[in-house]
C-alpha cells in the first residue's frame, strides 16, 4: 500500500510537465509583458528604459487605440447572437429525424475550416462584386452599383467581421448545447407532456433551467472569443479599415511599429478589462444559475 507522501509526490510528478509548460508559455510572458508596459522599448534600439506611465498616456491620447478598444467591445454583440444560434441549432438537430447526423456535420463544418481558408472564401462573398451584393441586387434590396464596400467602408467592415465570426463559431456552441440537451432527463420532459405543457412551456420550465450550467460556460467562452478577435479581422480586412480590434492594435504596434512598450501597455490594459468582464459575468450568471446557488 502506497504511503500518503509517496502518493503526493507521484501526483506532483504528473502535474509537473503541464505546470512547467504553463509557467514558460503563459505566466512568464504575462510577467514580461507587465514589465514591458512600463518601458520605453523599441526593438531597433535594443535598450529599455523605465518611463513610468508614459505608454498609458500615449494610449489615452491615441484615437486609433480608442477605435480598436471600441471595436473589441462591439464584438461582444456577437455573444448573444452566437448563443441563440447555437441553442436554436441544437434544439433542431437534437430531434430523432432522418439524416440529422448530416445536418450536425454541416453546421459544425465551419469550425474545423481554418480561418485563413474561410477568410479567402468570405472575401469573395463580401467583395464589391461578390455574392452578397449580387444577392441584394437580385432580390431588389438595392439598385445595381449601390452596394457597399463591405470590407473597406467604415461602418460595414466590423459588421462583416461579426457575420463571419457568427458563421465560423455557431456550430461549436451547437455542440456544447447538444451535450447539455443530452443530459436533460427524459422523465422530466415526459412528465411535462403528461401535464399538458406545450413545446414553449417545456423549454421554458424544464429545458432552459437545466441548460443553465452550459449557458454559463458558453457565455464565458463566447465573451472571451469575441474580445480576442484578431485573425478574423486580419484575414478579412487586413486591419486597414476602422475594423481593427485591440489585439490587432497590439500586433501592429509591436511588429510594425516596433514599439513593444506601447504594445505591452495595451495588452496589459486589455487583459485587465477581460478579467473584469469575466468576473462580472461569473457573478451575474452565478446569481441566476440555480445549480450555482445549490438549489
Protein backbone atom coordinates (compact mmCIF):
# COMPACT_ATOMS: atom_id res chain seq x y z
CA UNK A 1 0.00 0.00 0.00
CA UNK A 2 1.43 3.37 -1.03
CA UNK A 3 2.10 5.90 1.69
CA UNK A 4 0.35 9.32 1.52
CA UNK A 5 3.72 11.04 0.98
CA UNK A 6 4.63 8.85 -1.98
CA UNK A 7 1.18 9.36 -3.49
CA UNK A 8 1.55 13.13 -3.19
CA UNK A 9 4.97 13.10 -4.83
CA UNK A 10 3.60 10.96 -7.65
CA UNK A 11 0.79 13.42 -8.17
CA UNK A 12 3.27 16.30 -8.34
CA UNK A 13 5.31 14.38 -10.91
CA UNK A 14 2.23 14.02 -13.11
CA UNK A 15 1.37 17.70 -12.79
CA UNK A 16 4.92 19.00 -13.18
CA UNK A 17 5.19 18.85 -17.02
CA UNK A 18 1.93 20.75 -17.52
CA UNK A 19 2.84 23.24 -14.80
CA UNK A 20 6.24 23.83 -16.43
CA UNK A 21 4.68 24.43 -19.85
CA UNK A 22 2.08 26.75 -18.30
CA UNK A 23 4.76 28.69 -16.45
CA UNK A 24 7.01 29.09 -19.51
CA UNK A 25 4.39 29.88 -22.14
CA UNK A 26 1.74 31.69 -20.07
CA UNK A 27 2.95 33.02 -16.72
CA UNK A 28 6.37 34.22 -17.88
CA UNK A 29 5.05 36.06 -20.99
CA UNK A 30 2.42 37.78 -18.84
CA UNK A 31 5.02 38.91 -16.32
CA UNK A 32 7.36 40.04 -19.09
CA UNK A 33 4.52 41.95 -20.76
CA UNK A 34 3.77 43.66 -17.45
CA UNK A 35 7.40 44.79 -17.32
CA UNK A 36 7.33 45.97 -20.94
CA UNK A 37 4.23 48.08 -20.30
CA UNK A 38 6.31 50.48 -18.19
CA UNK A 39 9.33 50.57 -20.51
CA UNK A 40 10.37 52.79 -23.37
CA UNK A 41 11.41 49.86 -25.52
CA UNK A 42 11.93 49.86 -29.27
CA UNK A 43 13.32 46.67 -30.81
CA UNK A 44 15.69 48.54 -33.12
CA UNK A 45 17.34 50.33 -30.19
CA UNK A 46 17.56 47.17 -28.04
CA UNK A 47 17.55 49.29 -24.91
CA UNK A 48 14.78 49.59 -22.37
CA UNK A 49 14.22 52.48 -20.03
CA UNK A 50 11.63 52.89 -17.29
CA UNK A 51 9.13 55.56 -18.35
CA UNK A 52 6.51 55.31 -15.60
CA UNK A 53 3.05 55.64 -17.17
CA UNK A 54 4.10 57.30 -20.44
CA UNK A 55 2.87 54.36 -22.55
CA UNK A 56 -0.55 54.52 -20.93
CA UNK A 57 -0.70 58.29 -21.56
CA UNK A 58 0.06 57.63 -25.24
CA UNK A 59 -2.77 55.10 -25.37
CA UNK A 60 -5.17 57.53 -23.71
CA UNK A 61 -4.35 60.11 -26.40
CA UNK A 62 -4.37 57.64 -29.33
CA UNK A 63 -7.57 57.77 -31.48
CA UNK A 64 -6.54 54.50 -33.14
CA UNK A 65 -6.45 52.72 -29.78
CA UNK A 66 -9.84 54.17 -28.88
CA UNK A 67 -11.33 52.78 -32.10
CA UNK A 68 -9.70 49.39 -31.52
CA UNK A 69 -11.00 49.21 -27.96
CA UNK A 70 -14.48 50.27 -29.08
CA UNK A 71 -14.50 47.58 -31.77
CA UNK A 72 -13.42 44.91 -29.27
CA UNK A 73 -16.34 45.86 -27.04
CA UNK A 74 -18.74 45.97 -30.01
CA UNK A 75 -17.71 42.42 -30.86
CA UNK A 76 -19.48 41.44 -27.64
CA UNK A 77 -22.73 41.94 -29.59
CA UNK A 78 -21.97 38.60 -31.26
CA UNK A 79 -22.16 36.78 -27.90
CA UNK A 80 -25.97 36.68 -27.54
CA UNK A 81 -26.35 36.07 -31.29
CA UNK A 82 -24.00 33.07 -31.24
CA UNK A 83 -25.62 31.79 -28.04
CA UNK A 84 -29.11 31.98 -29.52
CA UNK A 85 -27.95 30.50 -32.85
CA UNK A 86 -26.11 27.63 -31.19
CA UNK A 87 -29.02 26.80 -28.92
CA UNK A 88 -31.52 27.04 -31.78
CA UNK A 89 -29.47 24.71 -33.98
CA UNK A 90 -29.02 22.29 -31.07
CA UNK A 91 -32.77 22.15 -30.48
CA UNK A 92 -33.33 21.50 -34.19
CA UNK A 93 -30.79 18.69 -34.59
CA UNK A 94 -31.49 17.12 -31.20
CA UNK A 95 -34.65 15.55 -32.58
CA UNK A 96 -34.53 11.96 -33.91
CA UNK A 97 -35.03 12.92 -37.55
CA UNK A 98 -33.73 11.15 -40.65
CA UNK A 99 -30.33 12.46 -41.72
CA UNK A 100 -29.92 14.60 -38.61
CA UNK A 101 -26.29 13.50 -38.29
CA UNK A 102 -25.56 15.00 -41.70
CA UNK A 103 -27.04 18.33 -40.62
CA UNK A 104 -24.97 18.28 -37.43
CA UNK A 105 -21.83 17.76 -39.52
CA UNK A 106 -22.78 20.55 -41.93
CA UNK A 107 -23.38 23.06 -39.13
CA UNK A 108 -20.12 22.07 -37.42
CA UNK A 109 -18.05 22.13 -40.63
CA UNK A 110 -17.09 25.87 -40.40
CA UNK A 111 -15.47 25.22 -37.02
CA UNK A 112 -12.87 22.86 -38.47
CA UNK A 113 -12.08 25.02 -41.51
CA UNK A 114 -9.01 27.15 -40.92
CA UNK A 115 -9.65 30.86 -40.61
CA UNK A 116 -7.26 31.67 -43.46
CA UNK A 117 -9.15 29.44 -45.92
CA UNK A 118 -12.56 30.57 -44.69
CA UNK A 119 -11.39 34.18 -44.87
CA UNK A 120 -10.46 33.82 -48.54
CA UNK A 121 -13.91 32.45 -49.33
CA UNK A 122 -15.70 35.17 -47.37
CA UNK A 123 -13.63 37.88 -49.04
CA UNK A 124 -15.32 36.83 -52.27
CA UNK A 125 -18.69 36.94 -50.53
CA UNK A 126 -18.12 40.47 -49.20
CA UNK A 127 -16.34 41.78 -52.31
CA UNK A 128 -17.98 44.75 -54.02
CA UNK A 129 -18.78 42.48 -57.00
CA UNK A 130 -19.25 39.46 -54.74
CA UNK A 131 -22.08 37.15 -53.82
CA UNK A 132 -23.67 39.33 -51.14
CA UNK A 133 -24.08 42.46 -53.25
CA UNK A 134 -25.26 40.32 -56.19
CA UNK A 135 -27.92 38.71 -53.98
CA UNK A 136 -29.08 42.08 -52.61
CA UNK A 137 -29.41 43.49 -56.14
CA UNK A 138 -31.19 40.36 -57.39
CA UNK A 139 -33.68 40.49 -54.51
CA UNK A 140 -34.35 44.16 -55.21
CA UNK A 141 -33.00 45.36 -51.86
CA UNK A 142 -30.71 47.88 -53.58
CA UNK A 143 -30.13 49.08 -57.18
CA UNK A 144 -27.22 47.93 -59.31
CA UNK A 145 -23.95 49.57 -58.33
CA UNK A 146 -25.23 50.83 -54.96
CA UNK A 147 -23.74 48.01 -52.86
CA UNK A 148 -21.40 48.99 -50.04
CA UNK A 149 -17.72 48.16 -49.85
CA UNK A 150 -18.23 45.67 -47.04
CA UNK A 151 -14.57 45.14 -46.17
CA UNK A 152 -13.21 48.66 -46.51
CA UNK A 153 -16.09 51.06 -45.94
CA UNK A 154 -16.27 52.45 -42.38
CA UNK A 155 -19.28 51.12 -40.54
CA UNK A 156 -19.58 47.96 -42.63
CA UNK A 157 -16.20 46.28 -42.12
CA UNK A 158 -16.88 45.46 -38.47
CA UNK A 159 -20.31 44.13 -39.42
CA UNK A 160 -18.62 41.81 -41.95
CA UNK A 161 -16.27 40.54 -39.22
CA UNK A 162 -19.22 39.91 -36.91
CA UNK A 163 -21.10 37.96 -39.59
CA UNK A 164 -18.00 35.90 -40.33
CA UNK A 165 -17.47 35.14 -36.62
CA UNK A 166 -21.09 34.05 -36.23
CA UNK A 167 -20.82 31.66 -39.19
CA UNK A 168 -17.46 30.32 -38.00
CA UNK A 169 -18.33 29.57 -34.37
CA UNK A 170 -22.06 28.97 -34.08
CA UNK A 171 -21.54 25.25 -34.78
CA UNK A 172 -19.13 24.97 -31.85
CA UNK A 173 -21.76 26.24 -29.41
CA UNK A 174 -24.35 23.99 -31.06
CA UNK A 175 -22.25 21.01 -29.99
CA UNK A 176 -21.95 22.30 -26.42
CA UNK A 177 -25.71 22.77 -26.19
CA UNK A 178 -26.24 19.31 -27.67
CA UNK A 179 -24.20 17.89 -24.80
CA UNK A 180 -26.37 19.84 -22.38
CA UNK A 181 -29.58 18.64 -24.03
CA UNK A 182 -28.39 15.03 -23.84
CA UNK A 183 -28.12 15.44 -20.05
CA UNK A 184 -31.72 16.62 -19.64
CA UNK A 185 -33.65 13.71 -18.04
CA UNK A 186 -36.27 12.38 -20.42
CA UNK A 187 -38.59 11.65 -17.47
CA UNK A 188 -38.97 15.37 -16.75
CA UNK A 189 -39.93 16.15 -20.32
CA UNK A 190 -42.39 13.26 -20.43
CA UNK A 191 -43.94 14.38 -17.14
CA UNK A 192 -44.36 17.90 -18.53
CA UNK A 193 -46.07 16.43 -21.61
CA UNK A 194 -48.45 14.47 -19.40
CA UNK A 195 -49.23 17.69 -17.52
CA UNK A 196 -50.26 19.26 -20.81
CA UNK A 197 -47.27 21.57 -21.24
CA UNK A 198 -46.68 22.75 -24.80
CA UNK A 199 -43.28 22.98 -26.54
CA UNK A 200 -42.60 26.53 -25.31
CA UNK A 201 -43.65 25.70 -21.72
CA UNK A 202 -41.44 22.59 -21.72
CA UNK A 203 -38.49 24.61 -22.98
CA UNK A 204 -39.05 27.47 -20.54
CA UNK A 205 -39.69 25.46 -17.37
CA UNK A 206 -37.72 22.26 -17.99
CA UNK A 207 -35.04 22.54 -20.68
CA UNK A 208 -33.86 26.11 -20.16
CA UNK A 209 -33.24 25.85 -16.37
CA UNK A 210 -31.35 22.57 -16.83
CA UNK A 211 -29.19 24.17 -19.52
CA UNK A 212 -28.09 26.94 -17.13
CA UNK A 213 -24.60 25.48 -16.44
CA UNK A 214 -23.99 25.05 -20.18
CA UNK A 215 -25.20 28.59 -20.80
CA UNK A 216 -22.77 29.97 -18.23
CA UNK A 217 -19.90 28.09 -19.87
CA UNK A 218 -20.93 29.15 -23.39
CA UNK A 219 -21.31 32.78 -22.35
CA UNK A 220 -17.83 32.89 -20.87
CA UNK A 221 -16.25 31.17 -23.86
CA UNK A 222 -18.11 33.35 -26.37
CA UNK A 223 -17.19 36.52 -24.49
CA UNK A 224 -13.51 35.63 -24.37
CA UNK A 225 -13.61 34.62 -28.04
CA UNK A 226 -15.27 37.91 -29.04
CA UNK A 227 -12.83 40.04 -27.05
CA UNK A 228 -9.76 38.32 -28.52
CA UNK A 229 -10.93 38.66 -32.13
CA UNK A 230 -7.79 39.03 -34.20
CA UNK A 231 -7.35 36.58 -37.05
CA UNK A 232 -10.82 37.27 -38.39
CA UNK A 233 -10.04 40.96 -38.83
CA UNK A 234 -6.60 40.25 -40.27
CA UNK A 235 -7.77 37.83 -42.97
CA UNK A 236 -10.88 39.80 -43.95
CA UNK A 237 -9.86 43.45 -43.81
CA UNK A 238 -6.17 43.41 -43.00
CA UNK A 239 -6.95 45.96 -40.31
CA UNK A 240 -6.84 48.75 -42.93
CA UNK A 241 -10.38 49.98 -42.26
CA UNK A 242 -11.88 51.02 -38.94
CA UNK A 243 -12.46 47.36 -38.06
CA UNK A 244 -9.25 46.91 -36.08
CA UNK A 245 -9.55 45.37 -32.63
CA UNK A 246 -7.36 45.75 -29.58
CA UNK A 247 -5.31 42.63 -30.27
CA UNK A 248 -4.70 43.84 -33.82
CA UNK A 249 -3.54 47.17 -32.37
CA UNK A 250 -1.12 45.27 -30.11
CA UNK A 251 0.15 43.20 -33.04
CA UNK A 252 0.66 46.21 -35.30
CA UNK A 253 2.30 48.29 -32.55
CA UNK A 254 4.77 45.51 -31.74
CA UNK A 255 5.64 44.03 -35.13
CA UNK A 256 5.10 47.01 -37.45
CA UNK A 257 5.71 49.97 -35.17
CA UNK A 258 8.38 48.02 -33.20
CA UNK A 259 7.17 49.81 -30.04
CA UNK A 260 6.93 46.94 -27.60
CA UNK A 261 6.35 49.29 -24.68
CA UNK A 262 3.08 50.67 -26.08
CA UNK A 263 2.06 47.19 -27.24
CA UNK A 264 2.70 45.82 -23.75
CA UNK A 265 0.68 48.61 -22.13
CA UNK A 266 -2.25 47.99 -24.48
CA UNK A 267 -2.08 44.26 -23.81
CA UNK A 268 -1.98 44.83 -20.05
CA UNK A 269 -4.99 47.15 -20.12
CA UNK A 270 -6.89 44.72 -22.31
CA UNK A 271 -6.09 41.79 -20.03
CA UNK A 272 -7.39 43.70 -17.01
CA UNK A 273 -10.54 44.60 -18.97
CA UNK A 274 -11.14 40.95 -19.91
CA UNK A 275 -10.63 39.82 -16.31
CA UNK A 276 -13.08 42.47 -15.11
CA UNK A 277 -15.75 41.47 -17.64
CA UNK A 278 -15.29 37.78 -16.83
CA UNK A 279 -15.60 38.45 -13.09
CA UNK A 280 -18.82 40.46 -13.57
CA UNK A 281 -20.24 37.75 -15.82
CA UNK A 282 -19.46 34.99 -13.34
CA UNK A 283 -21.11 36.95 -10.56
CA UNK A 284 -24.23 37.82 -12.56
CA UNK A 285 -24.63 34.42 -14.21
CA UNK A 286 -23.95 32.61 -10.95
CA UNK A 287 -26.70 34.63 -9.31
CA UNK A 288 -29.21 33.41 -11.90
CA UNK A 289 -27.89 29.86 -12.01
CA UNK A 290 -29.90 27.62 -9.65
CA UNK A 291 -27.14 24.99 -9.66
CA UNK A 292 -24.52 27.53 -8.58
CA UNK A 293 -26.79 28.50 -5.69
CA UNK A 294 -27.11 24.88 -4.62
CA UNK A 295 -30.84 24.75 -5.25
